[in-house]
C-alpha atoms as a PDB file:
ATOM      1  CA  MET A   1      84.046 110.554  91.609  1.00  0.00           C
ATOM      2  CA  SER A   2      81.931 113.423  90.392  1.00  0.00           C
ATOM      3  CA  ASN A   3      78.523 112.927  88.784  1.00  0.00           C
ATOM      4  CA  LYS A   4      79.180 115.982  86.689  1.00  0.00           C
ATOM      5  CA  VAL A   5      79.143 115.308  82.952  1.00  0.00           C
ATOM      6  CA  ASN A   6      81.927 116.967  81.010  1.00  0.00           C
ATOM      7  CA  ALA A   7      80.694 119.395  78.390  1.00  0.00           C
ATOM      8  CA  ILE A   8      81.248 118.305  74.821  1.00  0.00           C
ATOM      9  CA  GLU A   9      83.237 120.687  72.691  1.00  0.00           C
ATOM     10  CA  THR A  10      83.526 120.672  68.929  1.00  0.00           C
ATOM     11  CA  ILE A  11      84.759 123.018  66.235  1.00  0.00           C
ATOM     12  CA  ALA A  12      81.819 121.928  64.088  1.00  0.00           C
ATOM     13  CA  LYS A  13      79.388 124.738  63.325  1.00  0.00           C
ATOM     14  CA  GLN A  14      76.409 122.375  63.649  1.00  0.00           C
ATOM     15  CA  ALA A  15      76.245 119.075  65.509  1.00  0.00           C
ATOM     16  CA  ILE A  16      73.912 116.633  67.186  1.00  0.00           C
ATOM     17  CA  LEU A  17      74.650 113.515  69.203  1.00  0.00           C
ATOM     18  CA  TYR A  18      71.683 111.199  69.586  1.00  0.00           C
ATOM     19  CA  ASP A  19      71.463 108.075  71.767  1.00  0.00           C
ATOM     20  CA  MET A  20      69.502 105.422  69.862  1.00  0.00           C
ATOM     21  CA  ASP A  21      68.983 103.302  72.999  1.00  0.00           C
ATOM     22  CA  THR A  22      67.500 106.008  75.206  1.00  0.00           C
ATOM     23  CA  LYS A  23      66.034 107.962  72.278  1.00  0.00           C
ATOM     24  CA  SER A  24      67.490 111.161  73.639  1.00  0.00           C
ATOM     25  CA  ILE A  25      69.701 113.976  72.458  1.00  0.00           C
ATOM     26  CA  ILE A  26      73.000 113.978  74.338  1.00  0.00           C
ATOM     27  CA  PHE A  27      74.463 117.064  72.718  1.00  0.00           C
ATOM     28  CA  LYS A  28      73.430 119.654  70.180  1.00  0.00           C
ATOM     29  CA  LYS A  29      74.973 122.747  68.693  1.00  0.00           C
ATOM     30  CA  ASN A  30      73.044 124.834  66.163  1.00  0.00           C
ATOM     31  CA  SER A  31      71.204 121.633  65.256  1.00  0.00           C
ATOM     32  CA  ASP A  32      68.243 123.547  63.772  1.00  0.00           C
ATOM     33  CA  GLN A  33      70.351 125.863  61.610  1.00  0.00           C
ATOM     34  CA  LEU A  34      69.667 125.480  57.871  1.00  0.00           C
ATOM     35  CA  VAL A  35      72.718 124.216  55.996  1.00  0.00           C
ATOM     36  CA  SER A  36      73.553 122.439  52.779  1.00  0.00           C
ATOM     37  CA  PRO A  37      73.314 118.732  53.590  1.00  0.00           C
ATOM     38  CA  SER A  38      75.945 117.902  50.957  1.00  0.00           C
ATOM     39  CA  SER A  39      76.467 114.143  50.747  1.00  0.00           C
ATOM     40  CA  MET A  40      74.150 113.572  53.719  1.00  0.00           C
ATOM     41  CA  SER A  41      71.406 113.871  51.053  1.00  0.00           C
ATOM     42  CA  LYS A  42      72.534 110.435  49.929  1.00  0.00           C
ATOM     43  CA  ILE A  43      71.090 108.983  53.135  1.00  0.00           C
ATOM     44  CA  MET A  44      67.621 109.771  51.777  1.00  0.00           C
ATOM     45  CA  THR A  45      68.522 108.324  48.374  1.00  0.00           C
ATOM     46  CA  ILE A  46      69.557 105.094  50.114  1.00  0.00           C
ATOM     47  CA  TYR A  47      66.536 105.200  52.435  1.00  0.00           C
ATOM     48  CA  TYR A  48      64.168 105.385  49.486  1.00  0.00           C
ATOM     49  CA  ALA A  49      65.941 102.556  47.619  1.00  0.00           C
ATOM     50  CA  PHE A  50      65.701 100.349  50.736  1.00  0.00           C
ATOM     51  CA  LYS A  51      62.018 101.273  51.059  1.00  0.00           C
ATOM     52  CA  LYS A  52      61.314 100.217  47.457  1.00  0.00           C
ATOM     53  CA  ILE A  53      63.161  96.926  48.035  1.00  0.00           C
ATOM     54  CA  ASN A  54      61.185  96.174  51.206  1.00  0.00           C
ATOM     55  CA  GLU A  55      57.919  96.983  49.419  1.00  0.00           C
ATOM     56  CA  GLY A  56      58.812  94.459  46.711  1.00  0.00           C
ATOM     57  CA  GLU A  57      58.915  97.089  43.961  1.00  0.00           C
ATOM     58  CA  LEU A  58      62.659  96.712  43.580  1.00  0.00           C
ATOM     59  CA  SER A  59      65.197  93.932  44.048  1.00  0.00           C
ATOM     60  CA  LEU A  60      68.904  94.014  44.834  1.00  0.00           C
ATOM     61  CA  ASP A  61      69.369  91.995  41.628  1.00  0.00           C
ATOM     62  CA  ASP A  62      67.439  94.413  39.392  1.00  0.00           C
ATOM     63  CA  GLU A  63      69.632  96.146  36.856  1.00  0.00           C
ATOM     64  CA  PHE A  64      69.440  99.855  36.098  1.00  0.00           C
ATOM     65  CA  THR A  65      70.766 101.522  32.963  1.00  0.00           C
ATOM     66  CA  VAL A  66      73.318 104.318  33.306  1.00  0.00           C
ATOM     67  CA  SER A  67      72.365 107.573  31.570  1.00  0.00           C
ATOM     68  CA  ARG A  68      74.760 110.080  30.081  1.00  0.00           C
ATOM     69  CA  LYS A  69      73.776 112.547  32.852  1.00  0.00           C
ATOM     70  CA  ALA A  70      74.746 110.038  35.567  1.00  0.00           C
ATOM     71  CA  TRP A  71      78.018 109.126  33.851  1.00  0.00           C
ATOM     72  CA  LYS A  72      78.949 112.775  33.353  1.00  0.00           C
ATOM     73  CA  LYS A  73      78.211 113.905  36.934  1.00  0.00           C
ATOM     74  CA  GLY A  74      81.192 115.383  38.733  1.00  0.00           C
ATOM     75  CA  GLY A  75      82.340 114.965  42.303  1.00  0.00           C
ATOM     76  CA  SER A  76      82.804 111.598  43.950  1.00  0.00           C
ATOM     77  CA  LYS A  77      82.053 108.709  41.615  1.00  0.00           C
ATOM     78  CA  MET A  78      81.491 104.998  41.439  1.00  0.00           C
ATOM     79  CA  PHE A  79      82.737 105.190  37.815  1.00  0.00           C
ATOM     80  CA  VAL A  80      79.759 103.654  36.022  1.00  0.00           C
ATOM     81  CA  LYS A  81      79.731 103.908  32.226  1.00  0.00           C
ATOM     82  CA  VAL A  82      77.020 105.152  29.860  1.00  0.00           C
ATOM     83  CA  ASN A  83      74.476 102.444  28.930  1.00  0.00           C
ATOM     84  CA  ASP A  84      75.942  99.928  31.395  1.00  0.00           C
ATOM     85  CA  LYS A  85      73.396  97.863  33.270  1.00  0.00           C
ATOM     86  CA  VAL A  86      74.309  97.861  36.966  1.00  0.00           C
ATOM     87  CA  LYS A  87      72.700  95.837  39.744  1.00  0.00           C
ATOM     88  CA  VAL A  88      70.857  97.850  42.384  1.00  0.00           C
ATOM     89  CA  GLU A  89      73.005  96.222  45.085  1.00  0.00           C
ATOM     90  CA  ASP A  90      76.168  97.508  43.415  1.00  0.00           C
ATOM     91  CA  LEU A  91      74.693 100.996  43.037  1.00  0.00           C
ATOM     92  CA  ILE A  92      73.768 101.014  46.724  1.00  0.00           C
ATOM     93  CA  ARG A  93      77.290  99.990  47.683  1.00  0.00           C
ATOM     94  CA  GLY A  94      78.674 102.618  45.285  1.00  0.00           C
ATOM     95  CA  ILE A  95      76.662 105.255  47.132  1.00  0.00           C
ATOM     96  CA  ILE A  96      77.353 104.060  50.678  1.00  0.00           C
ATOM     97  CA  VAL A  97      81.043 103.206  50.304  1.00  0.00           C
ATOM     98  CA  GLN A  98      82.199 105.481  47.490  1.00  0.00           C
ATOM     99  CA  SER A  99      79.703 108.343  47.891  1.00  0.00           C
ATOM    100  CA  GLY A 100      79.054 107.951  44.164  1.00  0.00           C
ATOM    101  CA  ASN A 101      77.107 110.843  42.705  1.00  0.00           C
ATOM    102  CA  ASP A 102      76.785 108.879  39.471  1.00  0.00           C
ATOM    103  CA  ALA A 103      75.208 105.930  41.326  1.00  0.00           C
ATOM    104  CA  CYS A 104      72.710 108.274  43.038  1.00  0.00           C
ATOM    105  CA  ILE A 105      71.543 109.637  39.707  1.00  0.00           C
ATOM    106  CA  VAL A 106      71.179 106.134  38.226  1.00  0.00           C
ATOM    107  CA  ILE A 107      68.952 105.128  41.141  1.00  0.00           C
ATOM    108  CA  ALA A 108      66.964 108.384  41.028  1.00  0.00           C
ATOM    109  CA  GLU A 109      66.326 108.242  37.286  1.00  0.00           C
ATOM    110  CA  ASN A 110      65.381 104.569  37.253  1.00  0.00           C
ATOM    111  CA  ILE A 111      62.995 104.846  40.214  1.00  0.00           C
ATOM    112  CA  ALA A 112      61.314 108.178  39.400  1.00  0.00           C
ATOM    113  CA  GLY A 113      62.088 108.843  35.740  1.00  0.00           C
ATOM    114  CA  SER A 114      64.305 111.847  36.472  1.00  0.00           C
ATOM    115  CA  GLU A 115      66.490 113.137  39.246  1.00  0.00           C
ATOM    116  CA  GLU A 116      64.189 116.144  39.633  1.00  0.00           C
ATOM    117  CA  ALA A 117      61.137 113.902  40.147  1.00  0.00           C
ATOM    118  CA  PHE A 118      63.121 111.810  42.635  1.00  0.00           C
ATOM    119  CA  ALA A 119      64.054 114.953  44.615  1.00  0.00           C
ATOM    120  CA  ILE A 120      60.344 115.760  44.970  1.00  0.00           C
ATOM    121  CA  ILE A 121      59.783 112.231  46.346  1.00  0.00           C
ATOM    122  CA  MET A 122      62.745 112.661  48.705  1.00  0.00           C
ATOM    123  CA  THR A 123      61.337 115.928  50.074  1.00  0.00           C
ATOM    124  CA  SER A 124      57.875 114.447  50.482  1.00  0.00           C
ATOM    125  CA  LYS A 125      59.283 111.478  52.425  1.00  0.00           C
ATOM    126  CA  ALA A 126      61.364 113.868  54.542  1.00  0.00           C
ATOM    127  CA  LYS A 127      58.254 115.797  55.586  1.00  0.00           C
ATOM    128  CA  GLU A 128      56.397 112.529  56.250  1.00  0.00           C
ATOM    129  CA  ILE A 129      59.006 111.341  58.770  1.00  0.00           C
ATOM    130  CA  GLY A 130      59.286 114.691  60.546  1.00  0.00           C
ATOM    131  CA  MET A 131      62.160 116.403  58.726  1.00  0.00           C
ATOM    132  CA  LEU A 132      60.344 119.728  58.733  1.00  0.00           C
ATOM    133  CA  ASN A 133      63.321 121.895  57.778  1.00  0.00           C
ATOM    134  CA  THR A 134      64.541 119.949  54.767  1.00  0.00           C
ATOM    135  CA  ASN A 135      64.201 120.370  51.012  1.00  0.00           C
ATOM    136  CA  PHE A 136      65.992 118.249  48.429  1.00  0.00           C
ATOM    137  CA  THR A 137      66.681 119.381  44.869  1.00  0.00           C
ATOM    138  CA  ASN A 138      68.822 116.412  43.855  1.00  0.00           C
ATOM    139  CA  SER A 139      69.798 112.901  44.932  1.00  0.00           C
ATOM    140  CA  THR A 140      73.491 113.643  45.500  1.00  0.00           C
ATOM    141  CA  GLY A 141      73.675 116.700  47.720  1.00  0.00           C
ATOM    142  CA  MET A 142      75.491 118.719  45.078  1.00  0.00           C
ATOM    143  CA  HIS A 143      75.203 122.402  45.942  1.00  0.00           C
ATOM    144  CA  SER A 144      71.966 124.203  45.254  1.00  0.00           C
ATOM    145  CA  ASN A 145      70.557 127.101  47.273  1.00  0.00           C
ATOM    146  CA  ASP A 146      67.255 125.236  47.525  1.00  0.00           C
ATOM    147  CA  ASN A 147      68.883 122.017  48.828  1.00  0.00           C
ATOM    148  CA  TYR A 148      68.927 122.420  52.603  1.00  0.00           C
ATOM    149  CA  SER A 149      68.468 120.585  55.890  1.00  0.00           C
ATOM    150  CA  THR A 150      69.552 120.689  59.533  1.00  0.00           C
ATOM    151  CA  ALA A 151      71.700 118.449  61.701  1.00  0.00           C
ATOM    152  CA  TYR A 152      68.530 117.601  63.635  1.00  0.00           C
ATOM    153  CA  ASP A 153      66.650 116.527  60.481  1.00  0.00           C
ATOM    154  CA  ILE A 154      69.595 114.395  59.311  1.00  0.00           C
ATOM    155  CA  ALA A 155      69.563 112.702  62.743  1.00  0.00           C
ATOM    156  CA  ILE A 156      65.857 111.919  62.268  1.00  0.00           C
ATOM    157  CA  LEU A 157      66.565 110.413  58.845  1.00  0.00           C
ATOM    158  CA  SER A 158      69.516 108.381  60.112  1.00  0.00           C
ATOM    159  CA  GLN A 159      67.421 106.981  62.946  1.00  0.00           C
ATOM    160  CA  TYR A 160      64.630 106.003  60.542  1.00  0.00           C
ATOM    161  CA  LEU A 161      67.055 104.295  58.177  1.00  0.00           C
ATOM    162  CA  ILE A 162      68.681 102.260  60.964  1.00  0.00           C
ATOM    163  CA  ASN A 163      65.362 101.315  62.598  1.00  0.00           C
ATOM    164  CA  GLU A 164      63.439 100.477  59.433  1.00  0.00           C
ATOM    165  CA  PHE A 165      66.173  98.644  57.535  1.00  0.00           C
ATOM    166  CA  PRO A 166      68.471  96.887  60.031  1.00  0.00           C
ATOM    167  CA  GLU A 167      69.068  94.084  57.534  1.00  0.00           C
ATOM    168  CA  TYR A 168      71.067  96.493  55.339  1.00  0.00           C
ATOM    169  CA  TYR A 169      72.925  98.316  58.093  1.00  0.00           C
ATOM    170  CA  HIS A 170      76.031  96.134  57.612  1.00  0.00           C
ATOM    171  CA  LEU A 171      76.637  97.824  54.252  1.00  0.00           C
ATOM    172  CA  PHE A 172      77.659 101.008  56.071  1.00  0.00           C
ATOM    173  CA  ALA A 173      80.568  99.136  57.696  1.00  0.00           C
ATOM    174  CA  GLU A 174      82.156  98.043  54.391  1.00  0.00           C
ATOM    175  CA  THR A 175      85.618  99.540  54.229  1.00  0.00           C
ATOM    176  CA  GLU A 176      86.067  99.358  50.450  1.00  0.00           C
ATOM    177  CA  PHE A 177      84.241  98.625  47.207  1.00  0.00           C
ATOM    178  CA  GLU A 178      85.540  97.936  43.719  1.00  0.00           C
ATOM    179  CA  TRP A 179      83.768  98.831  40.498  1.00  0.00           C
ATOM    180  CA  SER A 180      85.141  99.129  36.948  1.00  0.00           C
ATOM    181  CA  GLY A 181      88.495  97.888  38.242  1.00  0.00           C
ATOM    182  CA  ILE A 182      88.734 100.856  40.607  1.00  0.00           C
ATOM    183  CA  LYS A 183      88.912  99.995  44.300  1.00  0.00           C
ATOM    184  CA  GLN A 184      87.936 102.831  46.603  1.00  0.00           C
ATOM    185  CA  LYS A 185      88.030 103.073  50.368  1.00  0.00           C
ATOM    186  CA  ASN A 186      84.927 104.048  52.323  1.00  0.00           C
ATOM    187  CA  ARG A 187      84.712 107.845  52.577  1.00  0.00           C
ATOM    188  CA  ASN A 188      83.440 107.676  56.164  1.00  0.00           C
ATOM    189  CA  PRO A 189      86.415 108.814  58.270  1.00  0.00           C
ATOM    190  CA  LEU A 190      85.030 106.997  61.319  1.00  0.00           C
ATOM    191  CA  LEU A 191      85.768 103.678  59.617  1.00  0.00           C
END
């Protein structure tokens, strides 16, 4: 048997494969190229919510009020309604399972006062953990020319989230979540 490792091929324009056990990069392709992080921005939104919970400034049982801006947001949704009070745990599940843009905005506004202020916090935290090629302009990843990252930076963020908050990692394995009578499957195709 040959010791030669087969080369990994992918049609992806950017990619990175990181081994959490050995703390090494197995494969990379254009991993430092600036791109729109799209919904990968939501990883930082979740990271920051978990951070606030662990610091005792937030609880899974706290309830946040839904603004008109959050309710009106397009794209993938959890389907929250204006002025509803929604538990933080449900918002987190709405983001992780349903990729809910509306849930991201509810969390951002209730933690920082506005989504814009939350994006500044997100970018600051990104720089703090070593995401040197990342800038967030919103909590959802909706397109903006100034919302950018790299596959490498998203790998850094993912590693931090898994290492710092293992007690919440099970949420990423949920295959479906129901809110407002609407059951949605997890948008992660790997599940």
